[in-house]
N, C-alpha and C. Protein backbone atom coordinates (compact mmCIF):
# COMPACT_ATOMS: atom_id res chain seq x y z
N MET A 1 -11.88 63.49 -119.31
CA MET A 1 -11.74 62.83 -117.89
C MET A 1 -13.20 62.77 -117.19
N VAL A 2 -14.00 63.82 -117.76
CA VAL A 2 -15.36 63.62 -117.06
C VAL A 2 -16.14 62.22 -117.50
N GLN A 3 -15.86 61.76 -118.77
CA GLN A 3 -16.40 60.53 -119.33
C GLN A 3 -15.92 59.41 -118.49
N PHE A 4 -14.68 59.29 -118.08
CA PHE A 4 -14.10 58.37 -117.34
C PHE A 4 -14.74 58.29 -115.77
N LEU A 5 -14.70 59.44 -115.25
CA LEU A 5 -15.17 59.64 -113.84
C LEU A 5 -16.50 59.40 -113.75
N GLY A 6 -17.48 59.46 -114.78
CA GLY A 6 -18.97 59.06 -114.66
C GLY A 6 -18.99 57.47 -114.72
N SER A 7 -18.00 56.82 -115.19
CA SER A 7 -18.07 55.38 -115.36
C SER A 7 -17.98 54.43 -113.95
N PRO A 8 -18.62 53.53 -113.92
CA PRO A 8 -18.49 52.64 -112.50
C PRO A 8 -17.32 52.08 -112.33
N GLU A 9 -16.48 51.97 -113.56
CA GLU A 9 -15.22 51.20 -113.49
C GLU A 9 -14.04 52.07 -113.22
N ALA A 10 -14.32 53.55 -113.00
CA ALA A 10 -13.45 54.28 -112.66
C ALA A 10 -13.23 54.49 -111.30
N LEU A 11 -11.79 54.76 -110.94
CA LEU A 11 -11.43 55.09 -109.56
C LEU A 11 -10.59 56.29 -109.77
N CYS A 12 -11.05 57.34 -108.75
CA CYS A 12 -10.37 58.38 -108.60
C CYS A 12 -9.85 58.58 -107.14
N LEU A 13 -8.76 58.67 -106.94
CA LEU A 13 -8.06 59.16 -105.71
C LEU A 13 -7.40 60.41 -105.59
N ILE A 14 -7.66 60.97 -104.52
CA ILE A 14 -7.02 62.49 -104.19
C ILE A 14 -6.23 62.38 -102.96
N GLY A 15 -5.01 62.68 -103.03
CA GLY A 15 -4.17 62.68 -101.78
C GLY A 15 -3.95 63.96 -101.35
N SER A 16 -4.06 64.31 -100.05
CA SER A 16 -3.63 65.54 -99.37
C SER A 16 -2.76 65.59 -98.57
N VAL A 17 -1.98 66.89 -98.45
CA VAL A 17 -0.87 67.08 -97.36
C VAL A 17 -1.16 67.98 -96.52
N ALA A 18 -1.02 67.81 -94.97
CA ALA A 18 -1.62 68.58 -94.07
C ALA A 18 -0.57 69.92 -94.14
N ASP A 19 -1.34 71.10 -94.00
CA ASP A 19 -0.68 72.25 -93.96
C ASP A 19 -1.37 73.27 -92.89
N ASP A 20 -1.11 74.54 -92.99
CA ASP A 20 -1.72 75.31 -91.79
C ASP A 20 -2.92 75.73 -92.08
N SER A 21 -3.43 75.44 -93.35
CA SER A 21 -4.82 75.77 -93.72
C SER A 21 -5.86 74.57 -93.55
N GLY A 22 -5.27 73.58 -93.14
CA GLY A 22 -5.77 72.06 -93.15
C GLY A 22 -5.67 71.11 -93.94
N GLY A 23 -5.10 71.42 -94.90
CA GLY A 23 -4.78 70.53 -95.97
C GLY A 23 -4.75 71.12 -97.51
N VAL A 24 -3.80 70.35 -98.42
CA VAL A 24 -3.82 71.03 -99.55
C VAL A 24 -3.80 69.61 -100.59
N MET A 25 -4.41 69.71 -101.87
CA MET A 25 -4.38 68.55 -102.90
C MET A 25 -2.82 68.13 -103.10
N GLY A 26 -2.40 67.33 -102.76
CA GLY A 26 -1.10 67.04 -103.40
C GLY A 26 -0.79 66.08 -104.39
N GLY A 27 -1.88 65.18 -104.74
CA GLY A 27 -1.63 64.21 -105.82
C GLY A 27 -2.98 63.68 -106.23
N LEU A 28 -2.93 63.04 -107.38
CA LEU A 28 -4.19 62.57 -107.88
C LEU A 28 -3.88 61.15 -108.86
N LEU A 29 -4.79 60.38 -108.67
CA LEU A 29 -4.58 59.12 -109.51
C LEU A 29 -6.10 58.69 -110.00
N ILE A 30 -6.24 58.43 -111.16
CA ILE A 30 -7.35 57.94 -111.93
C ILE A 30 -7.07 56.95 -112.57
N ALA A 31 -7.76 55.84 -112.15
CA ALA A 31 -7.76 54.64 -112.94
C ALA A 31 -9.09 53.91 -113.60
N ARG A 32 -8.75 53.16 -114.45
CA ARG A 32 -10.03 52.41 -114.76
C ARG A 32 -10.07 51.01 -114.91
N LYS A 33 -11.15 50.16 -114.55
CA LYS A 33 -11.02 48.67 -114.69
C LYS A 33 -11.92 48.27 -115.72
N VAL A 34 -11.41 47.50 -116.47
CA VAL A 34 -12.47 46.78 -117.60
C VAL A 34 -12.00 45.17 -117.68
N ALA A 35 -13.23 44.45 -117.23
CA ALA A 35 -13.02 43.09 -116.99
C ALA A 35 -12.10 42.84 -116.01
N ASP A 36 -10.98 41.96 -116.19
CA ASP A 36 -10.06 41.80 -115.09
C ASP A 36 -8.76 42.37 -115.30
N GLU A 37 -8.82 43.62 -116.02
CA GLU A 37 -7.52 44.46 -116.19
C GLU A 37 -8.04 45.98 -115.78
N ALA A 38 -6.85 46.45 -115.43
CA ALA A 38 -7.05 48.09 -114.91
C ALA A 38 -5.92 48.88 -115.63
N GLU A 39 -5.99 49.96 -115.68
CA GLU A 39 -5.10 50.92 -116.28
C GLU A 39 -5.10 52.25 -115.34
N ILE A 40 -3.82 52.98 -115.17
CA ILE A 40 -3.75 54.13 -114.68
C ILE A 40 -3.96 55.17 -115.94
N LEU A 41 -4.94 55.88 -115.71
CA LEU A 41 -5.21 57.11 -116.64
C LEU A 41 -4.29 58.28 -116.52
N THR A 42 -4.11 58.72 -115.29
CA THR A 42 -3.35 59.74 -114.87
C THR A 42 -2.97 59.54 -113.47
N PHE A 43 -1.82 60.11 -113.24
CA PHE A 43 -1.23 60.14 -111.77
C PHE A 43 -0.07 61.17 -111.80
N GLY A 44 -0.31 61.89 -110.64
CA GLY A 44 0.76 63.04 -110.30
C GLY A 44 0.74 63.23 -109.22
N VAL A 45 1.95 63.78 -108.65
CA VAL A 45 2.08 64.41 -107.19
C VAL A 45 2.59 65.80 -107.31
N ALA A 46 1.97 66.77 -106.77
CA ALA A 46 2.40 68.30 -106.98
C ALA A 46 3.95 68.28 -106.46
N PRO A 47 4.86 69.07 -107.17
CA PRO A 47 6.23 69.02 -107.06
C PRO A 47 6.66 69.44 -105.59
N ALA A 48 5.85 70.15 -104.97
CA ALA A 48 6.00 70.68 -103.42
C ALA A 48 5.91 69.45 -102.45
N CYS A 49 5.14 68.35 -103.07
CA CYS A 49 4.56 67.37 -101.99
C CYS A 49 5.61 66.09 -102.49
N ARG A 50 6.20 65.96 -103.44
CA ARG A 50 6.91 64.89 -103.72
C ARG A 50 8.20 64.39 -102.59
N GLY A 51 8.32 63.19 -102.69
CA GLY A 51 9.37 62.66 -101.83
C GLY A 51 8.85 62.50 -100.47
N ALA A 52 7.55 62.49 -100.20
CA ALA A 52 6.95 62.25 -98.81
C ALA A 52 6.19 60.94 -98.78
N GLY A 53 6.15 60.24 -99.97
CA GLY A 53 5.50 59.02 -99.84
C GLY A 53 4.01 58.94 -100.42
N LEU A 54 3.45 60.29 -100.69
CA LEU A 54 2.19 60.35 -101.23
C LEU A 54 1.95 59.53 -102.48
N GLY A 55 2.82 59.59 -103.34
CA GLY A 55 2.74 58.83 -104.65
C GLY A 55 2.45 57.50 -104.38
N ARG A 56 3.42 56.96 -103.48
CA ARG A 56 3.34 55.60 -102.99
C ARG A 56 2.00 54.99 -102.54
N ALA A 57 1.73 55.97 -101.47
CA ALA A 57 0.29 55.66 -100.84
C ALA A 57 -0.87 55.71 -101.69
N LEU A 58 -1.14 56.64 -102.78
CA LEU A 58 -2.03 56.63 -103.89
C LEU A 58 -2.03 55.38 -104.63
N LEU A 59 -0.84 54.95 -105.03
CA LEU A 59 -0.75 53.81 -105.86
C LEU A 59 -0.92 52.41 -105.12
N GLU A 60 -0.52 52.33 -103.95
CA GLU A 60 -1.00 51.35 -103.16
C GLU A 60 -2.38 51.09 -102.83
N GLU A 61 -3.01 52.18 -102.74
CA GLU A 61 -4.47 52.32 -102.39
C GLU A 61 -5.15 51.91 -103.60
N ALA A 62 -4.88 52.32 -104.77
CA ALA A 62 -5.30 52.04 -106.14
C ALA A 62 -5.28 50.62 -106.35
N VAL A 63 -4.07 49.99 -106.17
CA VAL A 63 -3.75 48.54 -106.18
C VAL A 63 -4.80 47.66 -105.19
N SER A 64 -4.93 48.06 -103.98
CA SER A 64 -5.86 47.49 -103.13
C SER A 64 -7.27 47.61 -103.72
N VAL A 65 -7.81 48.65 -104.08
CA VAL A 65 -9.16 48.77 -104.55
C VAL A 65 -9.53 48.04 -105.75
N LEU A 66 -8.46 48.19 -106.57
CA LEU A 66 -8.76 47.26 -107.91
C LEU A 66 -8.50 45.86 -107.56
N ARG A 67 -7.85 45.29 -106.82
CA ARG A 67 -7.63 44.00 -106.77
C ARG A 67 -8.99 43.61 -105.98
N GLU A 68 -9.52 44.37 -104.95
CA GLU A 68 -10.92 44.03 -104.44
C GLU A 68 -11.90 43.84 -105.50
N ALA A 69 -11.66 44.76 -106.29
CA ALA A 69 -12.91 44.78 -107.57
C ALA A 69 -12.59 43.66 -108.48
N GLY A 70 -11.58 43.16 -108.47
CA GLY A 70 -11.60 41.89 -109.48
C GLY A 70 -10.49 42.04 -110.42
N ALA A 71 -9.79 43.03 -110.32
CA ALA A 71 -8.75 43.29 -111.31
C ALA A 71 -7.53 42.31 -111.24
N LYS A 72 -6.92 41.67 -112.12
CA LYS A 72 -5.89 40.71 -111.89
C LYS A 72 -4.58 41.31 -112.46
N ARG A 73 -4.59 42.38 -113.16
CA ARG A 73 -3.34 43.28 -113.80
C ARG A 73 -3.69 44.60 -113.98
N LEU A 74 -2.55 45.31 -113.67
CA LEU A 74 -2.69 46.87 -113.75
C LEU A 74 -1.56 47.27 -114.40
N PHE A 75 -1.93 47.96 -115.54
CA PHE A 75 -0.98 48.64 -116.57
C PHE A 75 -0.67 50.03 -116.18
N LEU A 76 0.57 50.37 -116.13
CA LEU A 76 1.08 51.64 -115.81
C LEU A 76 1.93 52.22 -116.90
N GLU A 77 1.81 53.68 -117.16
CA GLU A 77 2.60 54.03 -118.28
C GLU A 77 3.29 55.41 -117.93
N VAL A 78 4.54 55.66 -118.11
CA VAL A 78 5.26 56.69 -117.68
C VAL A 78 6.30 56.97 -118.69
N GLU A 79 6.53 58.35 -118.39
CA GLU A 79 7.74 58.96 -119.48
C GLU A 79 9.05 58.07 -119.10
N ALA A 80 9.70 57.58 -120.16
CA ALA A 80 10.75 56.45 -119.91
C ALA A 80 11.79 57.21 -119.04
N GLY A 81 11.99 58.51 -118.97
CA GLY A 81 13.06 59.16 -118.07
C GLY A 81 12.59 59.60 -116.93
N ASN A 82 11.58 59.40 -116.47
CA ASN A 82 11.00 59.69 -115.30
C ASN A 82 11.44 58.60 -114.15
N GLU A 83 12.62 58.89 -113.60
CA GLU A 83 13.05 57.86 -112.78
C GLU A 83 12.44 57.72 -111.35
N PRO A 84 12.04 58.59 -110.92
CA PRO A 84 11.23 58.31 -109.45
C PRO A 84 10.04 57.56 -109.76
N ALA A 85 9.40 57.74 -110.80
CA ALA A 85 8.08 57.08 -111.19
C ALA A 85 8.53 55.41 -111.28
N VAL A 86 9.51 55.42 -112.29
CA VAL A 86 9.95 54.02 -112.65
C VAL A 86 10.45 53.30 -111.33
N LYS A 87 11.13 53.96 -110.47
CA LYS A 87 11.71 53.20 -109.21
C LYS A 87 10.52 52.89 -108.49
N LEU A 88 9.47 53.73 -108.29
CA LEU A 88 8.26 53.36 -107.49
C LEU A 88 7.57 52.10 -108.05
N TYR A 89 7.21 52.09 -109.46
CA TYR A 89 6.59 51.20 -109.93
C TYR A 89 7.32 49.91 -109.83
N ARG A 90 8.52 49.86 -110.06
CA ARG A 90 9.49 48.64 -109.84
C ARG A 90 9.43 48.18 -108.57
N ALA A 91 9.56 49.33 -107.45
CA ALA A 91 9.39 48.73 -106.09
C ALA A 91 8.21 47.95 -105.70
N LEU A 92 6.93 48.25 -106.47
CA LEU A 92 5.81 47.51 -106.02
C LEU A 92 5.53 46.28 -106.83
N GLY A 93 6.65 45.89 -107.65
CA GLY A 93 6.54 44.78 -108.47
C GLY A 93 6.41 44.65 -109.97
N ALA A 94 5.94 46.00 -110.32
CA ALA A 94 5.75 46.23 -111.74
C ALA A 94 6.97 45.88 -112.71
N VAL A 95 6.58 45.22 -113.93
CA VAL A 95 7.88 44.79 -114.73
C VAL A 95 7.56 45.65 -116.00
N PRO A 96 8.45 46.08 -116.94
CA PRO A 96 8.32 46.76 -118.07
C PRO A 96 7.85 45.52 -119.07
N VAL A 97 6.82 46.04 -119.92
CA VAL A 97 6.26 45.13 -120.93
C VAL A 97 6.38 45.93 -122.36
N GLY A 98 6.76 47.02 -122.43
CA GLY A 98 6.78 47.58 -123.75
C GLY A 98 7.17 49.10 -123.48
N GLN A 99 7.12 49.74 -124.89
CA GLN A 99 7.54 50.94 -124.89
C GLN A 99 6.61 51.69 -126.09
N ARG A 100 6.47 52.84 -126.05
CA ARG A 100 5.74 53.77 -127.04
C ARG A 100 6.71 54.69 -127.30
N PRO A 101 7.42 54.60 -128.72
CA PRO A 101 8.37 55.62 -129.10
C PRO A 101 7.85 56.93 -129.39
N GLY A 102 8.38 58.06 -128.91
CA GLY A 102 7.80 59.51 -129.15
C GLY A 102 6.31 59.63 -128.76
N TYR A 103 5.88 58.96 -127.98
CA TYR A 103 4.36 59.12 -127.36
C TYR A 103 4.18 60.45 -126.79
N TYR A 104 4.93 61.04 -126.24
CA TYR A 104 4.66 62.27 -125.50
C TYR A 104 4.99 63.49 -126.46
N GLU A 105 4.08 64.71 -126.07
CA GLU A 105 4.14 65.77 -127.22
C GLU A 105 5.52 66.33 -127.36
N HIS A 106 6.40 66.27 -126.32
CA HIS A 106 7.90 66.63 -126.47
C HIS A 106 8.83 65.53 -127.02
N GLY A 107 8.18 64.46 -127.58
CA GLY A 107 9.12 63.63 -128.08
C GLY A 107 9.50 62.28 -127.30
N ALA A 108 9.47 62.51 -125.98
CA ALA A 108 9.81 61.50 -125.19
C ALA A 108 9.19 59.95 -125.26
N ASP A 109 9.83 58.99 -124.88
CA ASP A 109 9.23 57.74 -125.06
C ASP A 109 8.24 57.32 -123.84
N ALA A 110 7.38 56.38 -124.15
CA ALA A 110 6.54 56.27 -122.84
C ALA A 110 6.91 54.63 -122.42
N ALA A 111 7.17 54.35 -121.34
CA ALA A 111 7.53 52.99 -120.87
C ALA A 111 6.27 52.42 -120.28
N ILE A 112 5.89 51.24 -120.71
CA ILE A 112 4.83 50.76 -120.04
C ILE A 112 5.19 49.47 -119.20
N PHE A 113 4.63 49.51 -117.89
CA PHE A 113 4.72 48.50 -116.85
C PHE A 113 3.31 47.81 -116.95
N SER A 114 3.71 46.55 -116.19
CA SER A 114 2.41 45.65 -115.69
C SER A 114 2.71 45.27 -114.39
N LEU A 115 1.60 45.33 -113.62
CA LEU A 115 1.74 44.88 -112.15
C LEU A 115 0.58 43.81 -111.93
N ALA A 116 1.23 42.53 -111.72
CA ALA A 116 0.15 41.54 -111.30
C ALA A 116 -0.33 41.86 -109.78
N LEU A 117 -1.76 41.74 -109.92
CA LEU A 117 -2.58 42.03 -108.69
C LEU A 117 -2.97 40.79 -107.84
């Protein structure tokens, strides 16, 4: 991750949620752009912060920044059984373009999505 974050093509977004202490990191999205394509390298929202729109806000901001940087397409990869993530990707217009069988350590498949920017 350090190598990616040191690259000018990398995008790192951190989402926070207000709490009594002034805020807590609730989500993270790291993407990289190469030529006119981009990919999400890692994306997650803390369990306590899910369902509040933080993931959608992070993804929408990434789409906006990557589009402005000249990316035409964004690739997203997610565990095939992660319905909330799949639903979010589809809601933003992403379409399934492939699958990686047994991709995750515990044997789950990865679903690959593509989003036109």
